[in-house]
Amino acid sequence: MNKAKYFFLILSLALIGLGLTRNEQLTVLRKAIRICLECIGIG
């Protein structure tokens, strides 16, 4: 059980790092802004 916890922790940190190197946080932010603007009726 303990090994699985650390495996998933390392895996999640690696995938977060991969996403940051590909600038995917900017894509997520743009999509979030677009969804929020559509919800309040501006976009």
PDB file of N, CA and C in Angstrom:
ATOM      1  N   MET A   1       0.835  -1.204   0.000  1.00  0.00           N
ATOM      2  CA  MET A   1       0.000   0.000   0.000  1.00  0.00           C
ATOM      3  C   MET A   1       0.866   1.249   0.000  1.00  0.00           C
ATOM      4  N   ASN A   2       1.914   1.237   0.787  1.00  0.00           N
ATOM      5  CA  ASN A   2       2.757   2.406   0.899  1.00  0.00           C
ATOM      6  C   ASN A   2       3.490   2.702  -0.410  1.00  0.00           C
ATOM      7  N   LYS A   3       3.920   1.635  -1.117  1.00  0.00           N
ATOM      8  CA  LYS A   3       4.629   1.820  -2.384  1.00  0.00           C
ATOM      9  C   LYS A   3       3.709   2.424  -3.440  1.00  0.00           C
ATOM     10  N   ALA A   4       2.469   2.005  -3.446  1.00  0.00           N
ATOM     11  CA  ALA A   4       1.524   2.526  -4.431  1.00  0.00           C
ATOM     12  C   ALA A   4       1.285   4.019  -4.216  1.00  0.00           C
ATOM     13  N   LYS A   5       1.227   4.434  -2.974  1.00  0.00           N
ATOM     14  CA  LYS A   5       1.005   5.840  -2.665  1.00  0.00           C
ATOM     15  C   LYS A   5       2.141   6.695  -3.217  1.00  0.00           C
ATOM     16  N   TYR A   6       3.367   6.246  -3.009  1.00  0.00           N
ATOM     17  CA  TYR A   6       4.513   7.008  -3.505  1.00  0.00           C
ATOM     18  C   TYR A   6       4.630   6.948  -5.023  1.00  0.00           C
ATOM     19  N   PHE A   7       4.251   5.801  -5.614  1.00  0.00           N
ATOM     20  CA  PHE A   7       4.261   5.690  -7.070  1.00  0.00           C
ATOM     21  C   PHE A   7       3.319   6.710  -7.697  1.00  0.00           C
ATOM     22  N   PHE A   8       2.097   6.812  -7.169  1.00  0.00           N
ATOM     23  CA  PHE A   8       1.137   7.750  -7.730  1.00  0.00           C
ATOM     24  C   PHE A   8       1.525   9.192  -7.451  1.00  0.00           C
ATOM     25  N   LEU A   9       2.179   9.448  -6.334  1.00  0.00           N
ATOM     26  CA  LEU A   9       2.668  10.790  -6.045  1.00  0.00           C
ATOM     27  C   LEU A   9       3.729  11.205  -7.058  1.00  0.00           C
ATOM     28  N   ILE A  10       4.679  10.335  -7.326  1.00  0.00           N
ATOM     29  CA  ILE A  10       5.732  10.642  -8.297  1.00  0.00           C
ATOM     30  C   ILE A  10       5.148  10.752  -9.701  1.00  0.00           C
ATOM     31  N   LEU A  11       4.222   9.880 -10.040  1.00  0.00           N
ATOM     32  CA  LEU A  11       3.594   9.932 -11.351  1.00  0.00           C
ATOM     33  C   LEU A  11       2.828  11.236 -11.541  1.00  0.00           C
ATOM     34  N   SER A  12       2.090  11.659 -10.538  1.00  0.00           N
ATOM     35  CA  SER A  12       1.319  12.898 -10.664  1.00  0.00           C
ATOM     36  C   SER A  12       2.242  14.103 -10.770  1.00  0.00           C
ATOM     37  N   LEU A  13       3.339  14.131 -10.024  1.00  0.00           N
ATOM     38  CA  LEU A  13       4.288  15.234 -10.128  1.00  0.00           C
ATOM     39  C   LEU A  13       4.960  15.267 -11.500  1.00  0.00           C
ATOM     40  N   ALA A  14       5.251  14.096 -12.044  1.00  0.00           N
ATOM     41  CA  ALA A  14       5.849  14.031 -13.379  1.00  0.00           C
ATOM     42  C   ALA A  14       4.879  14.551 -14.440  1.00  0.00           C
ATOM     43  N   LEU A  15       3.617  14.186 -14.334  1.00  0.00           N
ATOM     44  CA  LEU A  15       2.636  14.637 -15.322  1.00  0.00           C
ATOM     45  C   LEU A  15       2.347  16.132 -15.183  1.00  0.00           C
ATOM     46  N   ILE A  16       2.350  16.647 -13.963  1.00  0.00           N
ATOM     47  CA  ILE A  16       2.191  18.092 -13.770  1.00  0.00           C
ATOM     48  C   ILE A  16       3.374  18.822 -14.390  1.00  0.00           C
ATOM     49  N   GLY A  17       4.581  18.296 -14.165  1.00  0.00           N
ATOM     50  CA  GLY A  17       5.771  18.898 -14.765  1.00  0.00           C
ATOM     51  C   GLY A  17       5.719  18.871 -16.278  1.00  0.00           C
ATOM     52  N   LEU A  18       5.252  17.781 -16.850  1.00  0.00           N
ATOM     53  CA  LEU A  18       5.118  17.680 -18.301  1.00  0.00           C
ATOM     54  C   LEU A  18       4.126  18.717 -18.823  1.00  0.00           C
ATOM     55  N   GLY A  19       3.024  18.878 -18.147  1.00  0.00           N
ATOM     56  CA  GLY A  19       2.038  19.866 -18.559  1.00  0.00           C
ATOM     57  C   GLY A  19       2.579  21.284 -18.471  1.00  0.00           C
ATOM     58  N   LEU A  20       3.362  21.565 -17.438  1.00  0.00           N
ATOM     59  CA  LEU A  20       3.947  22.900 -17.299  1.00  0.00           C
ATOM     60  C   LEU A  20       4.972  23.187 -18.393  1.00  0.00           C
ATOM     61  N   THR A  21       5.743  22.178 -18.790  1.00  0.00           N
ATOM     62  CA  THR A  21       6.725  22.404 -19.844  1.00  0.00           C
ATOM     63  C   THR A  21       6.056  22.627 -21.192  1.00  0.00           C
ATOM     64  N   ARG A  22       4.847  22.125 -21.361  1.00  0.00           N
ATOM     65  CA  ARG A  22       4.109  22.308 -22.618  1.00  0.00           C
ATOM     66  C   ARG A  22       3.176  23.513 -22.573  1.00  0.00           C
ATOM     67  N   ASN A  23       3.234  24.316 -21.491  1.00  0.00           N
ATOM     68  CA  ASN A  23       2.398  25.514 -21.310  1.00  0.00           C
ATOM     69  C   ASN A  23       0.908  25.204 -21.379  1.00  0.00           C
ATOM     70  N   GLU A  24       0.515  24.053 -20.877  1.00  0.00           N
ATOM     71  CA  GLU A  24      -0.901  23.687 -20.913  1.00  0.00           C
ATOM     72  C   GLU A  24      -1.714  24.461 -19.896  1.00  0.00           C
ATOM     73  N   GLN A  25      -1.070  25.055 -18.903  1.00  0.00           N
ATOM     74  CA  GLN A  25      -1.807  25.861 -17.929  1.00  0.00           C
ATOM     75  C   GLN A  25      -2.443  27.062 -18.611  1.00  0.00           C
ATOM     76  N   LEU A  26      -1.822  27.579 -19.666  1.00  0.00           N
ATOM     77  CA  LEU A  26      -2.398  28.708 -20.389  1.00  0.00           C
ATOM     78  C   LEU A  26      -3.651  28.290 -21.154  1.00  0.00           C
ATOM     79  N   THR A  27      -3.629  27.091 -21.706  1.00  0.00           N
ATOM     80  CA  THR A  27      -4.804  26.572 -22.403  1.00  0.00           C
ATOM     81  C   THR A  27      -5.963  26.393 -21.445  1.00  0.00           C
ATOM     82  N   VAL A  28      -5.680  25.852 -20.273  1.00  0.00           N
ATOM     83  CA  VAL A  28      -6.729  25.642 -19.266  1.00  0.00           C
ATOM     84  C   VAL A  28      -7.291  26.987 -18.824  1.00  0.00           C
ATOM     85  N   LEU A  29      -6.430  27.973 -18.619  1.00  0.00           N
ATOM     86  CA  LEU A  29      -6.885  29.295 -18.198  1.00  0.00           C
ATOM     87  C   LEU A  29      -7.770  29.936 -19.267  1.00  0.00           C
ATOM     88  N   ARG A  30      -7.357  29.852 -20.541  1.00  0.00           N
ATOM     89  CA  ARG A  30      -8.183  30.423 -21.622  1.00  0.00           C
ATOM     90  C   ARG A  30      -9.555  29.772 -21.683  1.00  0.00           C
ATOM     91  N   LYS A  31      -9.589  28.451 -21.564  1.00  0.00           N
ATOM     92  CA  LYS A  31     -10.872  27.743 -21.610  1.00  0.00           C
ATOM     93  C   LYS A  31     -11.746  28.110 -20.419  1.00  0.00           C
ATOM     94  N   ALA A  32     -11.145  28.258 -19.246  1.00  0.00           N
ATOM     95  CA  ALA A  32     -11.909  28.630 -18.054  1.00  0.00           C
ATOM     96  C   ALA A  32     -12.498  30.024 -18.200  1.00  0.00           C
ATOM     97  N   ILE A  33     -11.720  30.948 -18.737  1.00  0.00           N
ATOM     98  CA  ILE A  33     -12.215  32.308 -18.939  1.00  0.00           C
ATOM     99  C   ILE A  33     -13.370  32.300 -19.941  1.00  0.00           C
ATOM    100  N   ARG A  34     -13.228  31.544 -21.020  1.00  0.00           N
ATOM    101  CA  ARG A  34     -14.275  31.475 -22.044  1.00  0.00           C
ATOM    102  C   ARG A  34     -15.563  30.894 -21.457  1.00  0.00           C
ATOM    103  N   ILE A  35     -15.431  29.843 -20.659  1.00  0.00           N
ATOM    104  CA  ILE A  35     -16.627  29.221 -20.060  1.00  0.00           C
ATOM    105  C   ILE A  35     -17.299  30.205 -19.108  1.00  0.00           C
ATOM    106  N   CYS A  36     -16.520  30.928 -18.293  1.00  0.00           N
ATOM    107  CA  CYS A  36     -17.102  31.877 -17.358  1.00  0.00           C
ATOM    108  C   CYS A  36     -17.824  33.013 -18.090  1.00  0.00           C
ATOM    109  N   LEU A  37     -17.218  33.493 -19.166  1.00  0.00           N
ATOM    110  CA  LEU A  37     -17.864  34.568 -19.917  1.00  0.00           C
ATOM    111  C   LEU A  37     -19.149  34.090 -20.582  1.00  0.00           C
ATOM    112  N   GLU A  38     -19.163  32.850 -21.035  1.00  0.00           N
ATOM    113  CA  GLU A  38     -20.384  32.311 -21.646  1.00  0.00           C
ATOM    114  C   GLU A  38     -21.479  32.122 -20.600  1.00  0.00           C
ATOM    115  N   CYS A  39     -21.092  31.748 -19.398  1.00  0.00           N
ATOM    116  CA  CYS A  39     -22.093  31.517 -18.343  1.00  0.00           C
ATOM    117  C   CYS A  39     -22.816  32.813 -17.946  1.00  0.00           C
ATOM    118  N   ILE A  40     -22.084  33.918 -17.915  1.00  0.00           N
ATOM    119  CA  ILE A  40     -22.734  35.171 -17.519  1.00  0.00           C
ATOM    120  C   ILE A  40     -23.284  35.935 -18.716  1.00  0.00           C
ATOM    121  N   GLY A  41     -23.100  35.383 -19.914  1.00  0.00           N
ATOM    122  CA  GLY A  41     -23.736  35.941 -21.095  1.00  0.00           C
ATOM    123  C   GLY A  41     -22.946  37.012 -21.827  1.00  0.00           C
ATOM    124  N   ILE A  42     -21.683  37.196 -21.510  1.00  0.00           N
ATOM    125  CA  ILE A  42     -20.893  38.213 -22.209  1.00  0.00           C
ATOM    126  C   ILE A  42     -20.274  37.623 -23.475  1.00  0.00           C
ATOM    127  N   GLY A  43     -19.763  36.392 -23.383  1.00  0.00           N
ATOM    128  CA  GLY A  43     -19.041  35.787 -24.509  1.00  0.00           C
ATOM    129  C   GLY A  43     -19.985  35.111 -25.403  1.00  0.00           C
TER     130      GLY A  43
END
